[in-house]
Structures are given as C-alpha cells and as structure tokens.
Amino acid sequence: EGYDDGSGMIDPNTGMPIAAGADGNKDSEIRYMTEKIFPMMSKSGHLWLCLQCQFERRSKEHVIDHVEAKHVAVHERMGYHCFLCNHSFATRNSYRSHISRYHKN
C-alpha cells in the first residue's frame, strides 16, 4: 500500500498519490530523471553532452532541459503540475519558468 496524502490526486506516471506541496513528488522526479534523462547524457571534461545530438554545455541543468525538450517523447515525459494555480507543464524548464514568473515571493 502506498502513502495517501489525502489530496486525492494521483500521479498518472506512477499511479501513486501525488505528494502535497509545490515540489510535487520528488521520488517520481528522481526516478524519471534516472530512467529517461540521464542515460542520454554524459560528462566530458568540464562539459555535459547530449548523447543523441552532441549538444554540449557547461551546465548540467541546461543539458537536462535540452534532453527533456528535444529527445524524450511527449507521452514519456513526467509532466509538472503547479499546485499554486493548477496549471500543467510538459517540461521541468517550463514549470520552473512559470514559478519564477508568476509565483515569486
């Protein structure tokens, strides 16, 4: 039996209840990154590389964003949900941009 936070919201990727809070389900995000994103990346010296198209940047975050947006099929993406306004986003980058733009403290 899984933990039920009482919100009644179910993560469509895992079938498990979504954790309360704006961060969403960290375990699902870690599993998603490990299974879908990281296998398409590599570090070479001081650069992070996309193994699908050789996109490269110093920032690991930029390559993660690139891989998710360009190489993970839409139906395989985790999806992100803003618990502050109920909007949904296909990529982690679009979710972070939304939070920064509309929900700054």
PDB file of N, CA and C in Angstrom:
ATOM      1  N   GLU A   1       0.831  -1.175   0.000  1.00  0.00           N
ATOM      2  CA  GLU A   1       0.000   0.000   0.000  1.00  0.00           C
ATOM      3  C   GLU A   1       0.877   1.240   0.000  1.00  0.00           C
ATOM      4  N   GLY A   2       0.514   2.229  -0.820  1.00  0.00           N
ATOM      5  CA  GLY A   2       1.259   3.482  -0.874  1.00  0.00           C
ATOM      6  C   GLY A   2       0.747   4.469   0.145  1.00  0.00           C
ATOM      7  N   TYR A   3       1.488   5.511   0.342  1.00  0.00           N
ATOM      8  CA  TYR A   3       1.120   6.581   1.258  1.00  0.00           C
ATOM      9  C   TYR A   3       0.098   7.478   0.588  1.00  0.00           C
ATOM     10  N   ASP A   4      -0.995   7.757   1.250  1.00  0.00           N
ATOM     11  CA  ASP A   4      -2.021   8.647   0.710  1.00  0.00           C
ATOM     12  C   ASP A   4      -1.981   9.942   1.498  1.00  0.00           C
ATOM     13  N   ASP A   5      -1.705  11.053   0.796  1.00  0.00           N
ATOM     14  CA  ASP A   5      -1.598  12.337   1.492  1.00  0.00           C
ATOM     15  C   ASP A   5      -2.957  13.000   1.679  1.00  0.00           C
ATOM     16  N   GLY A   6      -4.000  12.344   1.200  1.00  0.00           N
ATOM     17  CA  GLY A   6      -5.340  12.872   1.398  1.00  0.00           C
ATOM     18  C   GLY A   6      -5.779  13.861   0.351  1.00  0.00           C
ATOM     19  N   SER A   7      -4.912  14.216  -0.606  1.00  0.00           N
ATOM     20  CA  SER A   7      -5.287  15.194  -1.628  1.00  0.00           C
ATOM     21  C   SER A   7      -6.185  14.585  -2.686  1.00  0.00           C
ATOM     22  N   GLY A   8      -6.094  13.268  -2.839  1.00  0.00           N
ATOM     23  CA  GLY A   8      -6.893  12.600  -3.848  1.00  0.00           C
ATOM     24  C   GLY A   8      -6.298  12.686  -5.240  1.00  0.00           C
ATOM     25  N   MET A   9      -5.146  13.368  -5.407  1.00  0.00           N
ATOM     26  CA  MET A   9      -4.529  13.497  -6.723  1.00  0.00           C
ATOM     27  C   MET A   9      -3.586  12.324  -6.953  1.00  0.00           C
ATOM     28  N   ILE A  10      -3.657  11.741  -8.147  1.00  0.00           N
ATOM     29  CA  ILE A  10      -2.844  10.585  -8.499  1.00  0.00           C
ATOM     30  C   ILE A  10      -1.868  10.978  -9.601  1.00  0.00           C
ATOM     31  N   ASP A  11      -0.602  10.598  -9.447  1.00  0.00           N
ATOM     32  CA  ASP A  11       0.410  10.827 -10.475  1.00  0.00           C
ATOM     33  C   ASP A  11       0.119   9.863 -11.625  1.00  0.00           C
ATOM     34  N   PRO A  12      -0.170  10.357 -12.843  1.00  0.00           N
ATOM     35  CA  PRO A  12      -0.508   9.468 -13.951  1.00  0.00           C
ATOM     36  C   PRO A  12       0.647   8.585 -14.393  1.00  0.00           C
ATOM     37  N   ASN A  13       1.871   8.945 -14.042  1.00  0.00           N
ATOM     38  CA  ASN A  13       3.043   8.154 -14.435  1.00  0.00           C
ATOM     39  C   ASN A  13       3.313   6.991 -13.513  1.00  0.00           C
ATOM     40  N   THR A  14       2.953   7.140 -12.246  1.00  0.00           N
ATOM     41  CA  THR A  14       3.258   6.090 -11.277  1.00  0.00           C
ATOM     42  C   THR A  14       2.023   5.423 -10.711  1.00  0.00           C
ATOM     43  N   GLY A  15       0.856   6.087 -10.811  1.00  0.00           N
ATOM     44  CA  GLY A  15      -0.351   5.553 -10.194  1.00  0.00           C
ATOM     45  C   GLY A  15      -0.390   5.767  -8.698  1.00  0.00           C
ATOM     46  N   MET A  16       0.596   6.486  -8.180  1.00  0.00           N
ATOM     47  CA  MET A  16       0.682   6.734  -6.741  1.00  0.00           C
ATOM     48  C   MET A  16       0.132   8.124  -6.429  1.00  0.00           C
ATOM     49  N   PRO A  17      -0.330   8.332  -5.198  1.00  0.00           N
ATOM     50  CA  PRO A  17      -0.788   9.677  -4.820  1.00  0.00           C
ATOM     51  C   PRO A  17       0.339  10.693  -4.954  1.00  0.00           C
ATOM     52  N   ILE A  18      -0.014  11.897  -5.404  1.00  0.00           N
ATOM     53  CA  ILE A  18       0.963  12.979  -5.540  1.00  0.00           C
ATOM     54  C   ILE A  18       1.203  13.591  -4.173  1.00  0.00           C
ATOM     55  N   ALA A  19       2.459  13.805  -3.841  1.00  0.00           N
ATOM     56  CA  ALA A  19       2.809  14.413  -2.561  1.00  0.00           C
ATOM     57  C   ALA A  19       2.305  15.840  -2.520  1.00  0.00           C
ATOM     58  N   ALA A  20       1.899  16.292  -1.361  1.00  0.00           N
ATOM     59  CA  ALA A  20       1.414  17.667  -1.214  1.00  0.00           C
ATOM     60  C   ALA A  20       2.565  18.639  -1.346  1.00  0.00           C
ATOM     61  N   GLY A  21       2.265  19.842  -1.795  1.00  0.00           N
ATOM     62  CA  GLY A  21       3.297  20.876  -1.891  1.00  0.00           C
ATOM     63  C   GLY A  21       3.644  21.193  -3.322  1.00  0.00           C
ATOM     64  N   ALA A  22       4.241  22.341  -3.535  1.00  0.00           N
ATOM     65  CA  ALA A  22       4.543  22.816  -4.877  1.00  0.00           C
ATOM     66  C   ALA A  22       5.636  22.018  -5.559  1.00  0.00           C
ATOM     67  N   ASP A  23       6.444  21.251  -4.793  1.00  0.00           N
ATOM     68  CA  ASP A  23       7.532  20.499  -5.391  1.00  0.00           C
ATOM     69  C   ASP A  23       7.061  19.244  -6.107  1.00  0.00           C
ATOM     70  N   GLY A  24       5.825  18.810  -5.882  1.00  0.00           N
ATOM     71  CA  GLY A  24       5.354  17.579  -6.494  1.00  0.00           C
ATOM     72  C   GLY A  24       6.001  16.379  -5.830  1.00  0.00           C
ATOM     73  N   ASN A  25       6.059  15.284  -6.533  1.00  0.00           N
ATOM     74  CA  ASN A  25       6.571  14.042  -5.973  1.00  0.00           C
ATOM     75  C   ASN A  25       8.044  13.887  -6.332  1.00  0.00           C
ATOM     76  N   LYS A  26       8.912  14.140  -5.366  1.00  0.00           N
ATOM     77  CA  LYS A  26      10.357  14.097  -5.599  1.00  0.00           C
ATOM     78  C   LYS A  26      10.826  12.708  -6.007  1.00  0.00           C
ATOM     79  N   ASP A  27      10.248  11.642  -5.412  1.00  0.00           N
ATOM     80  CA  ASP A  27      10.649  10.286  -5.780  1.00  0.00           C
ATOM     81  C   ASP A  27      10.350  10.011  -7.249  1.00  0.00           C
ATOM     82  N   SER A  28       9.189  10.440  -7.732  1.00  0.00           N
ATOM     83  CA  SER A  28       8.837  10.261  -9.139  1.00  0.00           C
ATOM     84  C   SER A  28       9.785  11.046 -10.041  1.00  0.00           C
ATOM     85  N   GLU A  29      10.133  12.263  -9.630  1.00  0.00           N
ATOM     86  CA  GLU A  29      11.040  13.077 -10.433  1.00  0.00           C
ATOM     87  C   GLU A  29      12.425  12.447 -10.508  1.00  0.00           C
ATOM     88  N   ILE A  30      12.917  11.941  -9.399  1.00  0.00           N
ATOM     89  CA  ILE A  30      14.236  11.292  -9.383  1.00  0.00           C
ATOM     90  C   ILE A  30      14.221  10.049 -10.266  1.00  0.00           C
ATOM     91  N   ARG A  31      13.174   9.239 -10.173  1.00  0.00           N
ATOM     92  CA  ARG A  31      13.055   8.033 -10.992  1.00  0.00           C
ATOM     93  C   ARG A  31      12.980   8.407 -12.477  1.00  0.00           C
ATOM     94  N   TYR A  32      12.204   9.446 -12.798  1.00  0.00           N
ATOM     95  CA  TYR A  32      12.081   9.919 -14.182  1.00  0.00           C
ATOM     96  C   TYR A  32      13.433  10.360 -14.725  1.00  0.00           C
ATOM     97  N   MET A  33      14.156  11.166 -13.956  1.00  0.00           N
ATOM     98  CA  MET A  33      15.472  11.643 -14.391  1.00  0.00           C
ATOM     99  C   MET A  33      16.421  10.461 -14.608  1.00  0.00           C
ATOM    100  N   THR A  34      16.417   9.526 -13.676  1.00  0.00           N
ATOM    101  CA  THR A  34      17.328   8.386 -13.739  1.00  0.00           C
ATOM    102  C   THR A  34      17.021   7.481 -14.926  1.00  0.00           C
ATOM    103  N   GLU A  35      15.742   7.273 -15.209  1.00  0.00           N
ATOM    104  CA  GLU A  35      15.356   6.345 -16.276  1.00  0.00           C
ATOM    105  C   GLU A  35      15.319   6.973 -17.657  1.00  0.00           C
ATOM    106  N   LYS A  36      14.912   8.235 -17.761  1.00  0.00           N
ATOM    107  CA  LYS A  36      14.686   8.843 -19.078  1.00  0.00           C
ATOM    108  C   LYS A  36      15.737   9.860 -19.495  1.00  0.00           C
ATOM    109  N   ILE A  37      16.222  10.680 -18.565  1.00  0.00           N
ATOM    110  CA  ILE A  37      17.088  11.806 -18.924  1.00  0.00           C
ATOM    111  C   ILE A  37      18.574  11.439 -18.858  1.00  0.00           C
ATOM    112  N   PHE A  38      19.025  10.971 -17.710  1.00  0.00           N
ATOM    113  CA  PHE A  38      20.457  10.744 -17.503  1.00  0.00           C
ATOM    114  C   PHE A  38      21.090   9.752 -18.482  1.00  0.00           C
ATOM    115  N   PRO A  39      20.374   8.704 -18.928  1.00  0.00           N
ATOM    116  CA  PRO A  39      21.012   7.803 -19.908  1.00  0.00           C
ATOM    117  C   PRO A  39      21.354   8.472 -21.243  1.00  0.00           C
ATOM    118  N   MET A  40      20.762   9.623 -21.519  1.00  0.00           N
ATOM    119  CA  MET A  40      21.037  10.336 -22.765  1.00  0.00           C
ATOM    120  C   MET A  40      22.081  11.431 -22.585  1.00  0.00           C
ATOM    121  N   MET A  41      22.769  11.433 -21.434  1.00  0.00           N
ATOM    122  CA  MET A  41      23.755  12.467 -21.123  1.00  0.00           C
ATOM    123  C   MET A  41      25.083  11.842 -20.738  1.00  0.00           C
ATOM    124  N   SER A  42      26.122  12.645 -20.881  1.00  0.00           N
ATOM    125  CA  SER A  42      27.451  12.226 -20.458  1.00  0.00           C
ATOM    126  C   SER A  42      28.260  13.465 -20.117  1.00  0.00           C
ATOM    127  N   LYS A  43      29.247  13.293 -19.254  1.00  0.00           N
ATOM    128  CA  LYS A  43      30.147  14.401 -18.934  1.00  0.00           C
ATOM    129  C   LYS A  43      31.502  14.120 -19.556  1.00  0.00           C
ATOM    130  N   SER A  44      32.034  15.120 -20.237  1.00  0.00           N
ATOM    131  CA  SER A  44      33.341  15.008 -20.860  1.00  0.00           C
ATOM    132  C   SER A  44      34.155  16.214 -20.437  1.00  0.00           C
ATOM    133  N   GLY A  45      35.103  16.000 -19.542  1.00  0.00           N
ATOM    134  CA  GLY A  45      35.883  17.111 -19.021  1.00  0.00           C
ATOM    135  C   GLY A  45      34.976  18.051 -18.250  1.00  0.00           C
ATOM    136  N   HIS A  46      34.917  19.304 -18.656  1.00  0.00           N
ATOM    137  CA  HIS A  46      34.083  20.284 -17.969  1.00  0.00           C
ATOM    138  C   HIS A  46      32.743  20.507 -18.682  1.00  0.00           C
ATOM    139  N   LEU A  47      32.456  19.704 -19.742  1.00  0.00           N
ATOM    140  CA  LEU A  47      31.215  19.866 -20.498  1.00  0.00           C
ATOM    141  C   LEU A  47      30.257  18.691 -20.288  1.00  0.00           C
ATOM    142  N   TRP A  48      28.976  19.000 -20.260  1.00  0.00           N
ATOM    143  CA  TRP A  48      27.918  17.991 -20.279  1.00  0.00           C
ATOM    144  C   TRP A  48      27.456  17.851 -21.716  1.00  0.00           C
ATOM    145  N   LEU A  49      27.258  16.602 -22.183  1.00  0.00           N
ATOM    146  CA  LEU A  49      26.906  16.331 -23.569  1.00  0.00           C
ATOM    147  C   LEU A  49      25.576  15.606 -23.671  1.00  0.00           C
ATOM    148  N   CYS A  50      24.823  15.915 -24.719  1.00  0.00           N
ATOM    149  CA  CYS A  50      23.652  15.145 -25.095  1.00  0.00           C
ATOM    150  C   CYS A  50      24.161  14.044 -26.021  1.00  0.00           C
ATOM    151  N   LEU A  51      23.919  12.791 -25.671  1.00  0.00           N
ATOM    152  CA  LEU A  51      24.408  11.674 -26.468  1.00  0.00           C
ATOM    153  C   LEU A  51      23.574  11.450 -27.733  1.00  0.00           C
ATOM    154  N   GLN A  52      22.450  12.131 -27.848  1.00  0.00           N
ATOM    155  CA  GLN A  52      21.586  11.978 -29.012  1.00  0.00           C
ATOM    156  C   GLN A  52      22.011  12.884 -30.170  1.00  0.00           C
ATOM    157  N   CYS A  53      22.506  14.082 -29.854  1.00  0.00           N
ATOM    158  CA  CYS A  53      22.804  15.036 -30.930  1.00  0.00           C
ATOM    159  C   CYS A  53      24.086  15.843 -30.698  1.00  0.00           C
ATOM    160  N   GLN A  54      24.821  15.549 -29.641  1.00  0.00           N
ATOM    161  CA  GLN A  54      26.083  16.214 -29.328  1.00  0.00           C
ATOM    162  C   GLN A  54      25.928  17.660 -28.868  1.00  0.00           C
ATOM    163  N   PHE A  55      24.725  18.077 -28.490  1.00  0.00           N
ATOM    164  CA  PHE A  55      24.523  19.369 -27.828  1.00  0.00           C
ATOM    165  C   PHE A  55      25.404  19.359 -26.588  1.00  0.00           C
ATOM    166  N   GLU A  56      26.115  20.452 -26.306  1.00  0.00           N
ATOM    167  CA  GLU A  56      27.001  20.480 -25.142  1.00  0.00           C
ATOM    168  C   GLU A  56      26.955  21.827 -24.443  1.00  0.00           C
ATOM    169  N   ARG A  57      27.051  21.768 -23.121  1.00  0.00           N
ATOM    170  CA  ARG A  57      27.072  22.966 -22.287  1.00  0.00           C
ATOM    171  C   ARG A  57      27.864  22.654 -21.016  1.00  0.00           C
ATOM    172  N   ARG A  58      28.348  23.701 -20.374  1.00  0.00           N
ATOM    173  CA  ARG A  58      28.994  23.540 -19.078  1.00  0.00           C
ATOM    174  C   ARG A  58      27.975  23.198 -17.996  1.00  0.00           C
ATOM    175  N   SER A  59      26.760  23.687 -18.162  1.00  0.00           N
ATOM    176  CA  SER A  59      25.719  23.498 -17.166  1.00  0.00           C
ATOM    177  C   SER A  59      24.973  22.180 -17.374  1.00  0.00           C
ATOM    178  N   LYS A  60      24.997  21.335 -16.361  1.00  0.00           N
ATOM    179  CA  LYS A  60      24.237  20.085 -16.394  1.00  0.00           C
ATOM    180  C   LYS A  60      22.748  20.375 -16.553  1.00  0.00           C
ATOM    181  N   GLU A  61      22.261  21.423 -15.876  1.00  0.00           N
ATOM    182  CA  GLU A  61      20.841  21.778 -15.940  1.00  0.00           C
ATOM    183  C   GLU A  61      20.403  22.112 -17.361  1.00  0.00           C
ATOM    184  N   HIS A  62      21.246  22.805 -18.118  1.00  0.00           N
ATOM    185  CA  HIS A  62      20.897  23.154 -19.492  1.00  0.00           C
ATOM    186  C   HIS A  62      20.780  21.912 -20.365  1.00  0.00           C
ATOM    187  N   VAL A  63      21.650  20.946 -20.135  1.00  0.00           N
ATOM    188  CA  VAL A  63      21.587  19.709 -20.920  1.00  0.00           C
ATOM    189  C   VAL A  63      20.378  18.876 -20.499  1.00  0.00           C
ATOM    190  N   ILE A  64      20.065  18.846 -19.216  1.00  0.00           N
ATOM    191  CA  ILE A  64      18.847  18.159 -18.761  1.00  0.00           C
ATOM    192  C   ILE A  64      17.628  18.765 -19.452  1.00  0.00           C
ATOM    193  N   ASP A  65      17.528  20.085 -19.448  1.00  0.00           N
ATOM    194  CA  ASP A  65      16.405  20.762 -20.096  1.00  0.00           C
ATOM    195  C   ASP A  65      16.346  20.437 -21.585  1.00  0.00           C
ATOM    196  N   HIS A  66      17.502  20.445 -22.239  1.00  0.00           N
ATOM    197  CA  HIS A  66      17.583  20.134 -23.666  1.00  0.00           C
ATOM    198  C   HIS A  66      17.092  18.719 -23.943  1.00  0.00           C
ATOM    199  N   VAL A  67      17.618  17.751 -23.208  1.00  0.00           N
ATOM    200  CA  VAL A  67      17.253  16.349 -23.433  1.00  0.00           C
ATOM    201  C   VAL A  67      15.751  16.156 -23.248  1.00  0.00           C
ATOM    202  N   GLU A  68      15.210  16.705 -22.179  1.00  0.00           N
ATOM    203  CA  GLU A  68      13.778  16.528 -21.930  1.00  0.00           C
ATOM    204  C   GLU A  68      12.950  17.148 -23.055  1.00  0.00           C
ATOM    205  N   ALA A  69      13.300  18.344 -23.485  1.00  0.00           N
ATOM    206  CA  ALA A  69      12.513  19.045 -24.505  1.00  0.00           C
ATOM    207  C   ALA A  69      12.674  18.453 -25.899  1.00  0.00           C
ATOM    208  N   LYS A  70      13.871  17.969 -26.224  1.00  0.00           N
ATOM    209  CA  LYS A  70      14.148  17.555 -27.601  1.00  0.00           C
ATOM    210  C   LYS A  70      14.127  16.048 -27.841  1.00  0.00           C
ATOM    211  N   HIS A  71      14.392  15.237 -26.814  1.00  0.00           N
ATOM    212  CA  HIS A  71      14.596  13.811 -27.058  1.00  0.00           C
ATOM    213  C   HIS A  71      13.711  12.863 -26.253  1.00  0.00           C
ATOM    214  N   VAL A  72      12.975  13.357 -25.292  1.00  0.00           N
ATOM    215  CA  VAL A  72      12.044  12.495 -24.561  1.00  0.00           C
ATOM    216  C   VAL A  72      10.678  12.669 -25.208  1.00  0.00           C
ATOM    217  N   ALA A  73      10.085  11.560 -25.651  1.00  0.00           N
ATOM    218  CA  ALA A  73       8.779  11.622 -26.311  1.00  0.00           C
ATOM    219  C   ALA A  73       7.751  12.251 -25.381  1.00  0.00           C
ATOM    220  N   VAL A  74       6.842  13.001 -25.952  1.00  0.00           N
ATOM    221  CA  VAL A  74       5.844  13.723 -25.159  1.00  0.00           C
ATOM    222  C   VAL A  74       5.099  12.774 -24.229  1.00  0.00           C
ATOM    223  N   HIS A  75       4.718  11.596 -24.695  1.00  0.00           N
ATOM    224  CA  HIS A  75       3.965  10.665 -23.856  1.00  0.00           C
ATOM    225  C   HIS A  75       4.815  10.024 -22.754  1.00  0.00           C
ATOM    226  N   GLU A  76       6.137  10.176 -22.828  1.00  0.00           N
ATOM    227  CA  GLU A  76       7.019   9.631 -21.796  1.00  0.00           C
ATOM    228  C   GLU A  76       7.465  10.681 -20.778  1.00  0.00           C
ATOM    229  N   ARG A  77       7.136  11.939 -21.028  1.00  0.00           N
ATOM    230  CA  ARG A  77       7.546  12.996 -20.103  1.00  0.00           C
ATOM    231  C   ARG A  77       6.785  12.885 -18.797  1.00  0.00           C
ATOM    232  N   MET A  78       7.430  13.274 -17.733  1.00  0.00           N
ATOM    233  CA  MET A  78       6.835  13.213 -16.410  1.00  0.00           C
ATOM    234  C   MET A  78       5.650  14.159 -16.294  1.00  0.00           C
ATOM    235  N   GLY A  79       5.785  15.359 -16.824  1.00  0.00           N
ATOM    236  CA  GLY A  79       4.764  16.378 -16.637  1.00  0.00           C
ATOM    237  C   GLY A  79       4.921  17.013 -15.264  1.00  0.00           C
ATOM    238  N   TYR A  80       4.629  18.262 -15.157  1.00  0.00           N
ATOM    239  CA  TYR A  80       4.778  19.006 -13.903  1.00  0.00           C
ATOM    240  C   TYR A  80       3.504  19.783 -13.654  1.00  0.00           C
ATOM    241  N   HIS A  81       3.109  19.862 -12.415  1.00  0.00           N
ATOM    242  CA  HIS A  81       1.852  20.496 -12.038  1.00  0.00           C
ATOM    243  C   HIS A  81       2.110  21.586 -11.006  1.00  0.00           C
ATOM    244  N   CYS A  82       1.591  22.775 -11.265  1.00  0.00           N
ATOM    245  CA  CYS A  82       1.700  23.874 -10.315  1.00  0.00           C
ATOM    246  C   CYS A  82       0.536  23.779  -9.336  1.00  0.00           C
ATOM    247  N   PHE A  83       0.845  23.503  -8.102  1.00  0.00           N
ATOM    248  CA  PHE A  83      -0.196  23.377  -7.083  1.00  0.00           C
ATOM    249  C   PHE A  83      -0.692  24.732  -6.599  1.00  0.00           C
ATOM    250  N   LEU A  84      -0.030  25.797  -7.043  1.00  0.00           N
ATOM    251  CA  LEU A  84      -0.463  27.130  -6.644  1.00  0.00           C
ATOM    252  C   LEU A  84      -1.589  27.662  -7.528  1.00  0.00           C
ATOM    253  N   CYS A  85      -1.591  27.266  -8.817  1.00  0.00           N
ATOM    254  CA  CYS A  85      -2.624  27.785  -9.720  1.00  0.00           C
ATOM    255  C   CYS A  85      -3.249  26.725 -10.620  1.00  0.00           C
ATOM    256  N   ASN A  86      -2.835  25.486 -10.446  1.00  0.00           N
ATOM    257  CA  ASN A  86      -3.434  24.351 -11.140  1.00  0.00           C
ATOM    258  C   ASN A  86      -3.077  24.242 -12.622  1.00  0.00           C
ATOM    259  N   HIS A  87      -2.032  24.915 -13.100  1.00  0.00           N
ATOM    260  CA  HIS A  87      -1.570  24.764 -14.474  1.00  0.00           C
ATOM    261  C   HIS A  87      -0.653  23.542 -14.569  1.00  0.00           C
ATOM    262  N   SER A  88      -0.597  22.946 -15.750  1.00  0.00           N
ATOM    263  CA  SER A  88       0.276  21.801 -16.000  1.00  0.00           C
ATOM    264  C   SER A  88       1.290  22.163 -17.074  1.00  0.00           C
ATOM    265  N   PHE A  89       2.469  21.531 -16.999  1.00  0.00           N
ATOM    266  CA  PHE A  89       3.562  21.840 -17.899  1.00  0.00           C
ATOM    267  C   PHE A  89       4.225  20.557 -18.378  1.00  0.00           C
ATOM    268  N   ALA A  90       4.654  20.540 -19.642  1.00  0.00           N
ATOM    269  CA  ALA A  90       5.251  19.351 -20.230  1.00  0.00           C
ATOM    270  C   ALA A  90       6.701  19.141 -19.789  1.00  0.00           C
ATOM    271  N   THR A  91       7.412  20.224 -19.518  1.00  0.00           N
ATOM    272  CA  THR A  91       8.827  20.097 -19.159  1.00  0.00           C
ATOM    273  C   THR A  91       9.133  20.801 -17.843  1.00  0.00           C
ATOM    274  N   ARG A  92      10.201  20.354 -17.227  1.00  0.00           N
ATOM    275  CA  ARG A  92      10.646  20.937 -15.966  1.00  0.00           C
ATOM    276  C   ARG A  92      11.029  22.403 -16.158  1.00  0.00           C
ATOM    277  N   ASN A  93      11.635  22.712 -17.292  1.00  0.00           N
ATOM    278  CA  ASN A  93      12.035  24.083 -17.562  1.00  0.00           C
ATOM    279  C   ASN A  93      10.822  25.010 -17.676  1.00  0.00           C
ATOM    280  N   SER A  94       9.782  24.583 -18.373  1.00  0.00           N
ATOM    281  CA  SER A  94       8.594  25.432 -18.495  1.00  0.00           C
ATOM    282  C   SER A  94       7.917  25.612 -17.137  1.00  0.00           C
ATOM    283  N   TYR A  95       7.938  24.573 -16.305  1.00  0.00           N
ATOM    284  CA  TYR A  95       7.388  24.677 -14.948  1.00  0.00           C
ATOM    285  C   TYR A  95       8.180  25.685 -14.113  1.00  0.00           C
ATOM    286  N   ARG A  96       9.510  25.577 -14.140  1.00  0.00           N
ATOM    287  CA  ARG A  96      10.358  26.496 -13.371  1.00  0.00           C
ATOM    288  C   ARG A  96      10.178  27.931 -13.848  1.00  0.00           C
ATOM    289  N   SER A  97      10.087  28.118 -15.162  1.00  0.00           N
ATOM    290  CA  SER A  97       9.876  29.472 -15.705  1.00  0.00           C
ATOM    291  C   SER A  97       8.555  30.048 -15.216  1.00  0.00           C
ATOM    292  N   HIS A  98       7.523  29.218 -15.199  1.00  0.00           N
ATOM    293  CA  HIS A  98       6.217  29.653 -14.714  1.00  0.00           C
ATOM    294  C   HIS A  98       6.273  30.080 -13.259  1.00  0.00           C
ATOM    295  N   ILE A  99       6.902  29.257 -12.412  1.00  0.00           N
ATOM    296  CA  ILE A  99       7.018  29.565 -10.986  1.00  0.00           C
ATOM    297  C   ILE A  99       7.757  30.881 -10.802  1.00  0.00           C
ATOM    298  N   SER A 100       8.851  31.055 -11.526  1.00  0.00           N
ATOM    299  CA  SER A 100       9.646  32.276 -11.408  1.00  0.00           C
ATOM    300  C   SER A 100       8.861  33.508 -11.857  1.00  0.00           C
ATOM    301  N   ARG A 101       8.087  33.353 -12.884  1.00  0.00           N
ATOM    302  CA  ARG A 101       7.369  34.488 -13.446  1.00  0.00           C
ATOM    303  C   ARG A 101       6.101  34.851 -12.672  1.00  0.00           C
ATOM    304  N   TYR A 102       5.331  33.842 -12.270  1.00  0.00           N
ATOM    305  CA  TYR A 102       4.004  34.108 -11.703  1.00  0.00           C
ATOM    306  C   TYR A 102       3.873  33.926 -10.181  1.00  0.00           C
ATOM    307  N   HIS A 103       4.848  33.247  -9.580  1.00  0.00           N
ATOM    308  CA  HIS A 103       4.708  32.963  -8.154  1.00  0.00           C
ATOM    309  C   HIS A 103       5.948  33.343  -7.351  1.00  0.00           C
ATOM    310  N   LYS A 104       6.596  34.435  -7.739  1.00  0.00           N
ATOM    311  CA  LYS A 104       7.746  34.928  -6.974  1.00  0.00           C
ATOM    312  C   LYS A 104       7.265  35.334  -5.581  1.00  0.00           C
ATOM    313  N   ASN A 105       8.139  35.178  -4.617  1.00  0.00           N
ATOM    314  CA  ASN A 105       7.777  35.592  -3.246  1.00  0.00           C
ATOM    315  C   ASN A 105       7.856  37.075  -3.088  1.00  0.00           C
TER     316      ASN A 105
END
